Structures are given as C-alpha cells and as structure tokens.
C-alpha cells in the first residue's frame, strides 16, 4: 500500500490536478456521445480514476468536506464554462446565478473550515 501523506501545499496542488482530471472526465462524457465513441468513453474512467486516486491522498490533509466541496464546486463551474464556451450551450440568467451560488457555497465551506481550525 502507498503511505504518502502530502504537505498542506502539496495537498492543494494535488487537489488542483484532481480537479483538472475530473473536468477532463466530465468533458469526455459529452464527447463519448452516449458511449458510442470508444476513446472518450474509455477516457472517462481513466480521468476519474486519477482524480479519485489523488483525492484519496488529499483528504488525509485537507479533510473530506473541503476537498469534496472544492473538487465538485470548481469542477462544476469550469465544466459549465466549457459547456457554454466550447459546446455552445445556452447562457441564461438562471444558469449564471446558479453558478454564482455554487461559488458562494464553496467559499462558505472553505471559510467555515478555516474558522474551525
């Protein structure tokens, strides 16, 4: 078994890389066209495996609530931006407001974890 525990700074870098892989996996979901395209279909699982593996090390240092909030929140916001920009998905006031609420939620969880420590 691997017994690696990252430092605080390393944990944030690993979380950033995990977010990158999560975004890549989610974009591949769209590119797979319902699992009808082989390469993006396989890459979904590869990218998510890397992302989850990195998160496993990160939660040792940063804690589950903050890791999952940042991972899913930042991934959601960036993925939504990619959907709007690259896949030409419609932009609505409700979509933008919802993205803003995700950002506020992640910042709130982060602030509450800092206050508790």
PDB file of N, CA and C in Angstrom:
ATOM      1  N   UNK A   1       0.831  -1.184   0.000  1.00  0.00           N
ATOM      2  CA  UNK A   1       0.000   0.000   0.000  1.00  0.00           C
ATOM      3  C   UNK A   1       0.875   1.247   0.000  1.00  0.00           C
ATOM      4  N   UNK A   2       0.335   2.307  -0.524  1.00  0.00           N
ATOM      5  CA  UNK A   2       1.048   3.581  -0.577  1.00  0.00           C
ATOM      6  C   UNK A   2       0.730   4.361   0.692  1.00  0.00           C
ATOM      7  N   UNK A   3       1.744   4.843   1.368  1.00  0.00           N
ATOM      8  CA  UNK A   3       1.519   5.584   2.610  1.00  0.00           C
ATOM      9  C   UNK A   3       1.960   7.037   2.468  1.00  0.00           C
ATOM     10  N   UNK A   4       1.662   7.642   1.354  1.00  0.00           N
ATOM     11  CA  UNK A   4       2.044   9.025   1.076  1.00  0.00           C
ATOM     12  C   UNK A   4       1.045   9.977   1.715  1.00  0.00           C
ATOM     13  N   UNK A   5       1.550  10.907   2.498  1.00  0.00           N
ATOM     14  CA  UNK A   5       0.723  11.984   3.037  1.00  0.00           C
ATOM     15  C   UNK A   5       1.345  13.295   2.585  1.00  0.00           C
ATOM     16  N   UNK A   6       0.635  14.033   1.740  1.00  0.00           N
ATOM     17  CA  UNK A   6       1.206  15.278   1.219  1.00  0.00           C
ATOM     18  C   UNK A   6       1.254  16.372   2.283  1.00  0.00           C
ATOM     19  N   UNK A   7       2.110  17.341   2.055  1.00  0.00           N
ATOM     20  CA  UNK A   7       2.109  18.535   2.913  1.00  0.00           C
ATOM     21  C   UNK A   7       0.865  19.349   2.567  1.00  0.00           C
ATOM     22  N   UNK A   8       0.611  20.385   3.329  1.00  0.00           N
ATOM     23  CA  UNK A   8      -0.558  21.237   3.091  1.00  0.00           C
ATOM     24  C   UNK A   8      -0.514  21.830   1.676  1.00  0.00           C
ATOM     25  N   UNK A   9       0.621  22.364   1.289  1.00  0.00           N
ATOM     26  CA  UNK A   9       0.769  22.957  -0.046  1.00  0.00           C
ATOM     27  C   UNK A   9       0.646  21.897  -1.137  1.00  0.00           C
ATOM     28  N   UNK A  10       1.275  20.757  -0.934  1.00  0.00           N
ATOM     29  CA  UNK A  10       1.165  19.664  -1.906  1.00  0.00           C
ATOM     30  C   UNK A  10      -0.285  19.204  -2.056  1.00  0.00           C
ATOM     31  N   UNK A  11      -1.014  19.176  -0.954  1.00  0.00           N
ATOM     32  CA  UNK A  11      -2.418  18.748  -0.999  1.00  0.00           C
ATOM     33  C   UNK A  11      -3.228  19.664  -1.899  1.00  0.00           C
ATOM     34  N   UNK A  12      -3.010  20.962  -1.796  1.00  0.00           N
ATOM     35  CA  UNK A  12      -3.749  21.895  -2.659  1.00  0.00           C
ATOM     36  C   UNK A  12      -3.353  21.725  -4.130  1.00  0.00           C
ATOM     37  N   UNK A  13      -2.083  21.483  -4.382  1.00  0.00           N
ATOM     38  CA  UNK A  13      -1.653  21.224  -5.766  1.00  0.00           C
ATOM     39  C   UNK A  13      -2.265  19.932  -6.294  1.00  0.00           C
ATOM     40  N   UNK A  14      -2.259  18.890  -5.465  1.00  0.00           N
ATOM     41  CA  UNK A  14      -2.863  17.621  -5.886  1.00  0.00           C
ATOM     42  C   UNK A  14      -4.364  17.783  -6.115  1.00  0.00           C
ATOM     43  N   UNK A  15      -5.016  18.581  -5.279  1.00  0.00           N
ATOM     44  CA  UNK A  15      -6.442  18.832  -5.478  1.00  0.00           C
ATOM     45  C   UNK A  15      -6.673  19.548  -6.808  1.00  0.00           C
ATOM     46  N   UNK A  16      -5.814  20.485  -7.140  1.00  0.00           N
ATOM     47  CA  UNK A  16      -5.926  21.183  -8.430  1.00  0.00           C
ATOM     48  C   UNK A  16      -5.796  20.212  -9.595  1.00  0.00           C
ATOM     49  N   UNK A  17      -4.860  19.289  -9.482  1.00  0.00           N
ATOM     50  CA  UNK A  17      -4.674  18.288 -10.538  1.00  0.00           C
ATOM     51  C   UNK A  17      -5.872  17.346 -10.590  1.00  0.00           C
ATOM     52  N   UNK A  18      -6.395  16.981  -9.417  1.00  0.00           N
ATOM     53  CA  UNK A  18      -7.587  16.126  -9.369  1.00  0.00           C
ATOM     54  C   UNK A  18      -8.778  16.817 -10.032  1.00  0.00           C
ATOM     55  N   UNK A  19      -8.920  18.112  -9.808  1.00  0.00           N
ATOM     56  CA  UNK A  19      -9.996  18.875 -10.451  1.00  0.00           C
ATOM     57  C   UNK A  19      -9.811  18.864 -11.965  1.00  0.00           C
ATOM     58  N   UNK A  20      -8.577  19.039 -12.418  1.00  0.00           N
ATOM     59  CA  UNK A  20      -8.299  19.004 -13.852  1.00  0.00           C
ATOM     60  C   UNK A  20      -8.744  17.668 -14.453  1.00  0.00           C
ATOM     61  N   UNK A  21      -8.381  16.554 -13.797  1.00  0.00           N
ATOM     62  CA  UNK A  21      -8.777  15.235 -14.304  1.00  0.00           C
ATOM     63  C   UNK A  21     -10.289  15.039 -14.252  1.00  0.00           C
ATOM     64  N   UNK A  22     -10.932  15.574 -13.213  1.00  0.00           N
ATOM     65  CA  UNK A  22     -12.393  15.465 -13.123  1.00  0.00           C
ATOM     66  C   UNK A  22     -13.054  16.214 -14.277  1.00  0.00           C
ATOM     67  N   UNK A  23     -12.548  17.384 -14.584  1.00  0.00           N
ATOM     68  CA  UNK A  23     -13.087  18.172 -15.693  1.00  0.00           C
ATOM     69  C   UNK A  23     -12.877  17.426 -17.011  1.00  0.00           C
ATOM     70  N   UNK A  24     -11.696  16.870 -17.201  1.00  0.00           N
ATOM     71  CA  UNK A  24     -11.418  16.104 -18.420  1.00  0.00           C
ATOM     72  C   UNK A  24     -12.376  14.920 -18.543  1.00  0.00           C
ATOM     73  N   UNK A  25     -12.605  14.212 -17.437  1.00  0.00           N
ATOM     74  CA  UNK A  25     -13.528  13.082 -17.458  1.00  0.00           C
ATOM     75  C   UNK A  25     -14.945  13.497 -17.793  1.00  0.00           C
ATOM     76  N   UNK A  26     -15.370  14.618 -17.239  1.00  0.00           N
ATOM     77  CA  UNK A  26     -16.729  15.092 -17.496  1.00  0.00           C
ATOM     78  C   UNK A  26     -16.886  15.549 -18.938  1.00  0.00           C
ATOM     79  N   UNK A  27     -15.887  16.229 -19.474  1.00  0.00           N
ATOM     80  CA  UNK A  27     -15.938  16.634 -20.881  1.00  0.00           C
ATOM     81  C   UNK A  27     -15.974  15.397 -21.782  1.00  0.00           C
ATOM     82  N   UNK A  28     -15.229  14.367 -21.406  1.00  0.00           N
ATOM     83  CA  UNK A  28     -15.249  13.124 -22.189  1.00  0.00           C
ATOM     84  C   UNK A  28     -16.622  12.471 -22.180  1.00  0.00           C
ATOM     85  N   UNK A  29     -17.400  12.684 -21.106  1.00  0.00           N
ATOM     86  CA  UNK A  29     -18.779  12.170 -21.110  1.00  0.00           C
ATOM     87  C   UNK A  29     -19.550  12.735 -22.290  1.00  0.00           C
ATOM     88  N   UNK A  30     -19.391  14.032 -22.492  1.00  0.00           N
ATOM     89  CA  UNK A  30     -20.080  14.687 -23.611  1.00  0.00           C
ATOM     90  C   UNK A  30     -19.517  14.206 -24.943  1.00  0.00           C
ATOM     91  N   UNK A  31     -18.208  14.086 -25.013  1.00  0.00           N
ATOM     92  CA  UNK A  31     -17.557  13.679 -26.260  1.00  0.00           C
ATOM     93  C   UNK A  31     -17.814  12.216 -26.608  1.00  0.00           C
ATOM     94  N   UNK A  32     -18.160  11.397 -25.604  1.00  0.00           N
ATOM     95  CA  UNK A  32     -18.371   9.965 -25.857  1.00  0.00           C
ATOM     96  C   UNK A  32     -19.658   9.703 -26.634  1.00  0.00           C
ATOM     97  N   UNK A  33     -20.537  10.691 -26.669  1.00  0.00           N
ATOM     98  CA  UNK A  33     -21.805  10.568 -27.397  1.00  0.00           C
ATOM     99  C   UNK A  33     -22.569   9.315 -26.948  1.00  0.00           C
ATOM    100  N   UNK A  34     -22.784   9.250 -25.614  1.00  0.00           N
ATOM    101  CA  UNK A  34     -23.529   8.122 -25.067  1.00  0.00           C
ATOM    102  C   UNK A  34     -22.799   6.795 -25.189  1.00  0.00           C
ATOM    103  N   UNK A  35     -21.500   6.802 -24.949  1.00  0.00           N
ATOM    104  CA  UNK A  35     -20.635   5.620 -25.052  1.00  0.00           C
ATOM    105  C   UNK A  35     -20.556   5.054 -26.470  1.00  0.00           C
ATOM    106  N   UNK A  36     -20.860   5.863 -27.473  1.00  0.00           N
ATOM    107  CA  UNK A  36     -20.768   5.367 -28.849  1.00  0.00           C
ATOM    108  C   UNK A  36     -19.405   5.647 -29.481  1.00  0.00           C
ATOM    109  N   UNK A  37     -18.573   6.440 -28.826  1.00  0.00           N
ATOM    110  CA  UNK A  37     -17.223   6.712 -29.303  1.00  0.00           C
ATOM    111  C   UNK A  37     -16.236   6.114 -28.301  1.00  0.00           C
ATOM    112  N   UNK A  38     -15.378   5.226 -28.788  1.00  0.00           N
ATOM    113  CA  UNK A  38     -14.542   4.406 -27.907  1.00  0.00           C
ATOM    114  C   UNK A  38     -13.576   5.225 -27.047  1.00  0.00           C
ATOM    115  N   UNK A  39     -12.747   6.045 -27.676  1.00  0.00           N
ATOM    116  CA  UNK A  39     -11.679   6.723 -26.938  1.00  0.00           C
ATOM    117  C   UNK A  39     -12.211   7.612 -25.816  1.00  0.00           C
ATOM    118  N   UNK A  40     -13.147   8.530 -26.088  1.00  0.00           N
ATOM    119  CA  UNK A  40     -13.637   9.332 -24.960  1.00  0.00           C
ATOM    120  C   UNK A  40     -14.370   8.490 -23.911  1.00  0.00           C
ATOM    121  N   UNK A  41     -14.995   7.396 -24.335  1.00  0.00           N
ATOM    122  CA  UNK A  41     -15.678   6.517 -23.372  1.00  0.00           C
ATOM    123  C   UNK A  41     -14.690   5.900 -22.388  1.00  0.00           C
ATOM    124  N   UNK A  42     -13.551   5.457 -22.884  1.00  0.00           N
ATOM    125  CA  UNK A  42     -12.516   4.883 -22.020  1.00  0.00           C
ATOM    126  C   UNK A  42     -11.893   5.971 -21.156  1.00  0.00           C
ATOM    127  N   UNK A  43     -11.658   7.148 -21.738  1.00  0.00           N
ATOM    128  CA  UNK A  43     -11.006   8.228 -21.001  1.00  0.00           C
ATOM    129  C   UNK A  43     -11.840   8.730 -19.834  1.00  0.00           C
ATOM    130  N   UNK A  44     -13.160   8.592 -19.904  1.00  0.00           N
ATOM    131  CA  UNK A  44     -14.000   8.966 -18.759  1.00  0.00           C
ATOM    132  C   UNK A  44     -13.486   8.260 -17.511  1.00  0.00           C
ATOM    133  N   UNK A  45     -13.309   6.952 -17.620  1.00  0.00           N
ATOM    134  CA  UNK A  45     -12.916   6.144 -16.470  1.00  0.00           C
ATOM    135  C   UNK A  45     -11.462   6.379 -16.070  1.00  0.00           C
ATOM    136  N   UNK A  46     -10.602   6.586 -17.052  1.00  0.00           N
ATOM    137  CA  UNK A  46      -9.190   6.845 -16.765  1.00  0.00           C
ATOM    138  C   UNK A  46      -9.047   8.158 -15.995  1.00  0.00           C
ATOM    139  N   UNK A  47      -9.675   9.213 -16.506  1.00  0.00           N
ATOM    140  CA  UNK A  47      -9.564  10.522 -15.857  1.00  0.00           C
ATOM    141  C   UNK A  47     -10.185  10.517 -14.465  1.00  0.00           C
ATOM    142  N   UNK A  48     -11.352   9.894 -14.320  1.00  0.00           N
ATOM    143  CA  UNK A  48     -11.971   9.847 -12.995  1.00  0.00           C
ATOM    144  C   UNK A  48     -11.159   8.987 -12.029  1.00  0.00           C
ATOM    145  N   UNK A  49     -10.543   7.930 -12.497  1.00  0.00           N
ATOM    146  CA  UNK A  49      -9.697   7.102 -11.630  1.00  0.00           C
ATOM    147  C   UNK A  49      -8.533   7.924 -11.084  1.00  0.00           C
ATOM    148  N   UNK A  50      -7.867   8.684 -11.951  1.00  0.00           N
ATOM    149  CA  UNK A  50      -6.777   9.549 -11.492  1.00  0.00           C
ATOM    150  C   UNK A  50      -7.285  10.579 -10.489  1.00  0.00           C
ATOM    151  N   UNK A  51      -8.427  11.183 -10.799  1.00  0.00           N
ATOM    152  CA  UNK A  51      -8.990  12.201  -9.929  1.00  0.00           C
ATOM    153  C   UNK A  51      -9.297  11.644  -8.544  1.00  0.00           C
ATOM    154  N   UNK A  52      -9.977  10.498  -8.494  1.00  0.00           N
ATOM    155  CA  UNK A  52     -10.311   9.892  -7.205  1.00  0.00           C
ATOM    156  C   UNK A  52      -9.060   9.443  -6.452  1.00  0.00           C
ATOM    157  N   UNK A  53      -8.084   8.928  -7.163  1.00  0.00           N
ATOM    158  CA  UNK A  53      -6.848   8.499  -6.514  1.00  0.00           C
ATOM    159  C   UNK A  53      -6.153   9.688  -5.848  1.00  0.00           C
ATOM    160  N   UNK A  54      -6.070  10.795  -6.558  1.00  0.00           N
ATOM    161  CA  UNK A  54      -5.442  11.990  -5.978  1.00  0.00           C
ATOM    162  C   UNK A  54      -6.241  12.497  -4.786  1.00  0.00           C
ATOM    163  N   UNK A  55      -7.564  12.498  -4.912  1.00  0.00           N
ATOM    164  CA  UNK A  55      -8.404  12.954  -3.799  1.00  0.00           C
ATOM    165  C   UNK A  55      -8.212  12.103  -2.554  1.00  0.00           C
ATOM    166  N   UNK A  56      -7.918  10.833  -2.738  1.00  0.00           N
ATOM    167  CA  UNK A  56      -7.695   9.942  -1.606  1.00  0.00           C
ATOM    168  C   UNK A  56      -6.516  10.404  -0.760  1.00  0.00           C
ATOM    169  N   UNK A  57      -5.481  10.922  -1.405  1.00  0.00           N
ATOM    170  CA  UNK A  57      -4.338  11.457  -0.665  1.00  0.00           C
ATOM    171  C   UNK A  57      -4.654  12.831  -0.069  1.00  0.00           C
ATOM    172  N   UNK A  58      -5.390  13.636  -0.813  1.00  0.00           N
ATOM    173  CA  UNK A  58      -5.681  14.999  -0.382  1.00  0.00           C
ATOM    174  C   UNK A  58      -6.549  15.020   0.881  1.00  0.00           C
ATOM    175  N   UNK A  59      -7.521  14.112   0.980  1.00  0.00           N
ATOM    176  CA  UNK A  59      -8.413  14.129   2.147  1.00  0.00           C
ATOM    177  C   UNK A  59      -7.667  13.811   3.450  1.00  0.00           C
ATOM    178  N   UNK A  60      -6.491  13.241   3.352  1.00  0.00           N
ATOM    179  CA  UNK A  60      -5.687  12.995   4.557  1.00  0.00           C
ATOM    180  C   UNK A  60      -5.269  14.301   5.215  1.00  0.00           C
ATOM    181  N   UNK A  61      -5.140  15.357   4.408  1.00  0.00           N
ATOM    182  CA  UNK A  61      -4.609  16.618   4.914  1.00  0.00           C
ATOM    183  C   UNK A  61      -5.698  17.690   5.036  1.00  0.00           C
ATOM    184  N   UNK A  62      -6.527  17.825   4.027  1.00  0.00           N
ATOM    185  CA  UNK A  62      -7.479  18.933   3.986  1.00  0.00           C
ATOM    186  C   UNK A  62      -8.850  18.597   4.557  1.00  0.00           C
ATOM    187  N   UNK A  63      -9.166  17.349   4.683  1.00  0.00           N
ATOM    188  CA  UNK A  63     -10.472  16.969   5.214  1.00  0.00           C
ATOM    189  C   UNK A  63     -11.488  16.763   4.104  1.00  0.00           C
ATOM    190  N   UNK A  64     -12.389  15.854   4.339  1.00  0.00           N
ATOM    191  CA  UNK A  64     -13.355  15.439   3.320  1.00  0.00           C
ATOM    192  C   UNK A  64     -14.286  16.560   2.885  1.00  0.00           C
ATOM    193  N   UNK A  65     -14.834  17.321   3.815  1.00  0.00           N
ATOM    194  CA  UNK A  65     -15.836  18.324   3.444  1.00  0.00           C
ATOM    195  C   UNK A  65     -15.251  19.395   2.522  1.00  0.00           C
ATOM    196  N   UNK A  66     -14.068  19.882   2.840  1.00  0.00           N
ATOM    197  CA  UNK A  66     -13.484  20.929   1.998  1.00  0.00           C
ATOM    198  C   UNK A  66     -13.002  20.364   0.673  1.00  0.00           C
ATOM    199  N   UNK A  67     -12.420  19.167   0.685  1.00  0.00           N
ATOM    200  CA  UNK A  67     -11.936  18.569  -0.559  1.00  0.00           C
ATOM    201  C   UNK A  67     -13.090  18.336  -1.529  1.00  0.00           C
ATOM    202  N   UNK A  68     -14.158  17.736  -1.036  1.00  0.00           N
ATOM    203  CA  UNK A  68     -15.269  17.435  -1.935  1.00  0.00           C
ATOM    204  C   UNK A  68     -15.959  18.707  -2.404  1.00  0.00           C
ATOM    205  N   UNK A  69     -16.101  19.685  -1.527  1.00  0.00           N
ATOM    206  CA  UNK A  69     -16.735  20.947  -1.923  1.00  0.00           C
ATOM    207  C   UNK A  69     -15.923  21.654  -3.004  1.00  0.00           C
ATOM    208  N   UNK A  70     -14.628  21.745  -2.804  1.00  0.00           N
ATOM    209  CA  UNK A  70     -13.783  22.431  -3.791  1.00  0.00           C
ATOM    210  C   UNK A  70     -13.714  21.617  -5.075  1.00  0.00           C
ATOM    211  N   UNK A  71     -13.507  20.317  -4.961  1.00  0.00           N
ATOM    212  CA  UNK A  71     -13.398  19.449  -6.136  1.00  0.00           C
ATOM    213  C   UNK A  71     -14.667  19.515  -6.992  1.00  0.00           C
ATOM    214  N   UNK A  72     -15.800  19.308  -6.367  1.00  0.00           N
ATOM    215  CA  UNK A  72     -17.047  19.299  -7.140  1.00  0.00           C
ATOM    216  C   UNK A  72     -17.463  20.703  -7.556  1.00  0.00           C
ATOM    217  N   UNK A  73     -17.272  21.683  -6.679  1.00  0.00           N
ATOM    218  CA  UNK A  73     -17.693  23.051  -6.997  1.00  0.00           C
ATOM    219  C   UNK A  73     -16.874  23.680  -8.112  1.00  0.00           C
ATOM    220  N   UNK A  74     -15.568  23.628  -7.974  1.00  0.00           N
ATOM    221  CA  UNK A  74     -14.703  24.202  -9.014  1.00  0.00           C
ATOM    222  C   UNK A  74     -14.882  23.421 -10.315  1.00  0.00           C
ATOM    223  N   UNK A  75     -14.963  22.103 -10.205  1.00  0.00           N
ATOM    224  CA  UNK A  75     -15.204  21.293 -11.402  1.00  0.00           C
ATOM    225  C   UNK A  75     -16.516  21.642 -12.087  1.00  0.00           C
ATOM    226  N   UNK A  76     -17.555  21.872 -11.291  1.00  0.00           N
ATOM    227  CA  UNK A  76     -18.861  22.246 -11.854  1.00  0.00           C
ATOM    228  C   UNK A  76     -18.789  23.583 -12.566  1.00  0.00           C
ATOM    229  N   UNK A  77     -18.183  24.565 -11.934  1.00  0.00           N
ATOM    230  CA  UNK A  77     -18.108  25.905 -12.530  1.00  0.00           C
ATOM    231  C   UNK A  77     -17.296  25.891 -13.825  1.00  0.00           C
ATOM    232  N   UNK A  78     -16.146  25.234 -13.806  1.00  0.00           N
ATOM    233  CA  UNK A  78     -15.313  25.199 -15.015  1.00  0.00           C
ATOM    234  C   UNK A  78     -15.979  24.365 -16.107  1.00  0.00           C
ATOM    235  N   UNK A  79     -16.600  23.260 -15.722  1.00  0.00           N
ATOM    236  CA  UNK A  79     -17.294  22.437 -16.711  1.00  0.00           C
ATOM    237  C   UNK A  79     -18.459  23.197 -17.331  1.00  0.00           C
ATOM    238  N   UNK A  80     -19.173  23.955 -16.525  1.00  0.00           N
ATOM    239  CA  UNK A  80     -20.267  24.778 -17.062  1.00  0.00           C
ATOM    240  C   UNK A  80     -19.720  25.810 -18.043  1.00  0.00           C
ATOM    241  N   UNK A  81     -18.593  26.416 -17.703  1.00  0.00           N
ATOM    242  CA  UNK A  81     -17.973  27.394 -18.607  1.00  0.00           C
ATOM    243  C   UNK A  81     -17.549  26.734 -19.916  1.00  0.00           C
ATOM    244  N   UNK A  82     -17.000  25.531 -19.837  1.00  0.00           N
ATOM    245  CA  UNK A  82     -16.625  24.798 -21.050  1.00  0.00           C
ATOM    246  C   UNK A  82     -17.865  24.481 -21.878  1.00  0.00           C
ATOM    247  N   UNK A  83     -18.931  24.079 -21.211  1.00  0.00           N
ATOM    248  CA  UNK A  83     -20.187  23.804 -21.922  1.00  0.00           C
ATOM    249  C   UNK A  83     -20.689  25.028 -22.665  1.00  0.00           C
ATOM    250  N   UNK A  84     -20.613  26.165 -22.026  1.00  0.00           N
ATOM    251  CA  UNK A  84     -21.069  27.415 -22.648  1.00  0.00           C
ATOM    252  C   UNK A  84     -20.141  27.817 -23.781  1.00  0.00           C
ATOM    253  N   UNK A  85     -18.845  27.771 -23.518  1.00  0.00           N
ATOM    254  CA  UNK A  85     -17.875  28.257 -24.496  1.00  0.00           C
ATOM    255  C   UNK A  85     -17.655  27.269 -25.641  1.00  0.00           C
ATOM    256  N   UNK A  86     -17.345  26.025 -25.322  1.00  0.00           N
ATOM    257  CA  UNK A  86     -16.950  25.072 -26.360  1.00  0.00           C
ATOM    258  C   UNK A  86     -18.136  24.372 -27.012  1.00  0.00           C
ATOM    259  N   UNK A  87     -19.096  23.946 -26.184  1.00  0.00           N
ATOM    260  CA  UNK A  87     -20.238  23.206 -26.722  1.00  0.00           C
ATOM    261  C   UNK A  87     -21.416  24.101 -27.073  1.00  0.00           C
ATOM    262  N   UNK A  88     -21.236  25.403 -26.912  1.00  0.00           N
ATOM    263  CA  UNK A  88     -22.236  26.414 -27.298  1.00  0.00           C
ATOM    264  C   UNK A  88     -23.584  26.198 -26.604  1.00  0.00           C
ATOM    265  N   UNK A  89     -23.537  25.790 -25.331  1.00  0.00           N
ATOM    266  CA  UNK A  89     -24.771  25.644 -24.569  1.00  0.00           C
ATOM    267  C   UNK A  89     -25.328  27.028 -24.266  1.00  0.00           C
ATOM    268  N   UNK A  90     -26.644  27.149 -24.148  1.00  0.00           N
ATOM    269  CA  UNK A  90     -27.236  28.471 -23.913  1.00  0.00           C
ATOM    270  C   UNK A  90     -26.857  29.042 -22.544  1.00  0.00           C
ATOM    271  N   UNK A  91     -26.687  30.352 -22.519  1.00  0.00           N
ATOM    272  CA  UNK A  91     -26.410  31.067 -21.279  1.00  0.00           C
ATOM    273  C   UNK A  91     -27.709  31.730 -20.844  1.00  0.00           C
ATOM    274  N   UNK A  92     -28.125  31.436 -19.632  1.00  0.00           N
ATOM    275  CA  UNK A  92     -29.330  32.067 -19.096  1.00  0.00           C
ATOM    276  C   UNK A  92     -28.985  32.730 -17.769  1.00  0.00           C
ATOM    277  N   UNK A  93     -29.840  33.648 -17.353  1.00  0.00           N
ATOM    278  CA  UNK A  93     -29.630  34.307 -16.066  1.00  0.00           C
ATOM    279  C   UNK A  93     -29.666  33.280 -14.939  1.00  0.00           C
ATOM    280  N   UNK A  94     -30.581  32.316 -15.035  1.00  0.00           N
ATOM    281  CA  UNK A  94     -30.673  31.289 -14.004  1.00  0.00           C
ATOM    282  C   UNK A  94     -29.401  30.447 -13.945  1.00  0.00           C
ATOM    283  N   UNK A  95     -28.845  30.116 -15.107  1.00  0.00           N
ATOM    284  CA  UNK A  95     -27.600  29.324 -15.137  1.00  0.00           C
ATOM    285  C   UNK A  95     -26.465  30.110 -14.484  1.00  0.00           C
ATOM    286  N   UNK A  96     -26.336  31.377 -14.829  1.00  0.00           N
ATOM    287  CA  UNK A  96     -25.266  32.197 -14.257  1.00  0.00           C
ATOM    288  C   UNK A  96     -25.460  32.391 -12.755  1.00  0.00           C
ATOM    289  N   UNK A  97     -26.694  32.607 -12.321  1.00  0.00           N
ATOM    290  CA  UNK A  97     -26.969  32.756 -10.893  1.00  0.00           C
ATOM    291  C   UNK A  97     -26.655  31.464 -10.146  1.00  0.00           C
ATOM    292  N   UNK A  98     -26.983  30.345 -10.741  1.00  0.00           N
ATOM    293  CA  UNK A  98     -26.718  29.048 -10.113  1.00  0.00           C
ATOM    294  C   UNK A  98     -25.224  28.796  -9.990  1.00  0.00           C
ATOM    295  N   UNK A  99     -24.468  29.150 -11.015  1.00  0.00           N
ATOM    296  CA  UNK A  99     -23.011  29.035 -10.946  1.00  0.00           C
ATOM    297  C   UNK A  99     -22.479  29.913  -9.817  1.00  0.00           C
ATOM    298  N   UNK A 100     -23.023  31.116  -9.706  1.00  0.00           N
ATOM    299  CA  UNK A 100     -22.626  32.013  -8.616  1.00  0.00           C
ATOM    300  C   UNK A 100     -22.910  31.416  -7.243  1.00  0.00           C
ATOM    301  N   UNK A 101     -24.045  30.743  -7.109  1.00  0.00           N
ATOM    302  CA  UNK A 101     -24.387  30.106  -5.833  1.00  0.00           C
ATOM    303  C   UNK A 101     -23.428  28.964  -5.500  1.00  0.00           C
ATOM    304  N   UNK A 102     -22.998  28.237  -6.522  1.00  0.00           N
ATOM    305  CA  UNK A 102     -22.007  27.172  -6.294  1.00  0.00           C
ATOM    306  C   UNK A 102     -20.719  27.784  -5.749  1.00  0.00           C
ATOM    307  N   UNK A 103     -20.279  28.868  -6.360  1.00  0.00           N
ATOM    308  CA  UNK A 103     -19.052  29.550  -5.916  1.00  0.00           C
ATOM    309  C   UNK A 103     -19.220  30.027  -4.474  1.00  0.00           C
ATOM    310  N   UNK A 104     -20.353  30.638  -4.163  1.00  0.00           N
ATOM    311  CA  UNK A 104     -20.599  31.116  -2.797  1.00  0.00           C
ATOM    312  C   UNK A 104     -20.596  29.948  -1.812  1.00  0.00           C
ATOM    313  N   UNK A 105     -21.194  28.827  -2.196  1.00  0.00           N
ATOM    314  CA  UNK A 105     -21.214  27.657  -1.332  1.00  0.00           C
ATOM    315  C   UNK A 105     -19.827  27.112  -1.038  1.00  0.00           C
ATOM    316  N   UNK A 106     -19.000  27.025  -2.065  1.00  0.00           N
ATOM    317  CA  UNK A 106     -17.629  26.526  -1.878  1.00  0.00           C
ATOM    318  C   UNK A 106     -16.847  27.488  -0.988  1.00  0.00           C
ATOM    319  N   UNK A 107     -16.978  28.780  -1.242  1.00  0.00           N
ATOM    320  CA  UNK A 107     -16.273  29.760  -0.409  1.00  0.00           C
ATOM    321  C   UNK A 107     -16.753  29.703   1.038  1.00  0.00           C
ATOM    322  N   UNK A 108     -18.057  29.508   1.234  1.00  0.00           N
ATOM    323  CA  UNK A 108     -18.603  29.405   2.577  1.00  0.00           C
ATOM    324  C   UNK A 108     -18.072  28.190   3.321  1.00  0.00           C
ATOM    325  N   UNK A 109     -18.022  27.040   2.648  1.00  0.00           N
ATOM    326  CA  UNK A 109     -17.463  25.846   3.287  1.00  0.00           C
ATOM    327  C   UNK A 109     -15.985  26.029   3.609  1.00  0.00           C
ATOM    328  N   UNK A 110     -15.275  26.655   2.688  1.00  0.00           N
ATOM    329  CA  UNK A 110     -13.853  26.898   2.923  1.00  0.00           C
ATOM    330  C   UNK A 110     -13.668  27.841   4.127  1.00  0.00           C
ATOM    331  N   UNK A 111     -14.458  28.891   4.176  1.00  0.00           N
ATOM    332  CA  UNK A 111     -14.355  29.850   5.296  1.00  0.00           C
ATOM    333  C   UNK A 111     -14.706  29.169   6.621  1.00  0.00           C
ATOM    334  N   UNK A 112     -15.714  28.314   6.605  1.00  0.00           N
ATOM    335  CA  UNK A 112     -16.103  27.649   7.852  1.00  0.00           C
ATOM    336  C   UNK A 112     -15.037  26.652   8.304  1.00  0.00           C
ATOM    337  N   UNK A 113     -14.342  26.030   7.368  1.00  0.00           N
ATOM    338  CA  UNK A 113     -13.275  25.094   7.760  1.00  0.00           C
ATOM    339  C   UNK A 113     -12.082  25.862   8.308  1.00  0.00           C
ATOM    340  N   UNK A 114     -11.823  27.070   7.771  1.00  0.00           N
ATOM    341  CA  UNK A 114     -10.727  27.881   8.298  1.00  0.00           C
ATOM    342  C   UNK A 114     -11.060  28.388   9.699  1.00  0.00           C
ATOM    343  N   UNK A 115     -12.312  28.755   9.929  1.00  0.00           N
ATOM    344  CA  UNK A 115     -12.729  29.264  11.233  1.00  0.00           C
ATOM    345  C   UNK A 115     -12.652  28.181  12.301  1.00  0.00           C
ATOM    346  N   UNK A 116     -12.913  26.943  11.902  1.00  0.00           N
ATOM    347  CA  UNK A 116     -12.903  25.831  12.858  1.00  0.00           C
ATOM    348  C   UNK A 116     -11.501  25.411  13.251  1.00  0.00           C
ATOM    349  N   UNK A 117     -10.489  25.731  12.389  1.00  0.00           N
ATOM    350  CA  UNK A 117      -9.131  25.273  12.708  1.00  0.00           C
ATOM    351  C   UNK A 117      -8.327  26.281  13.463  1.00  0.00           C
TER     352      UNK A 117
END
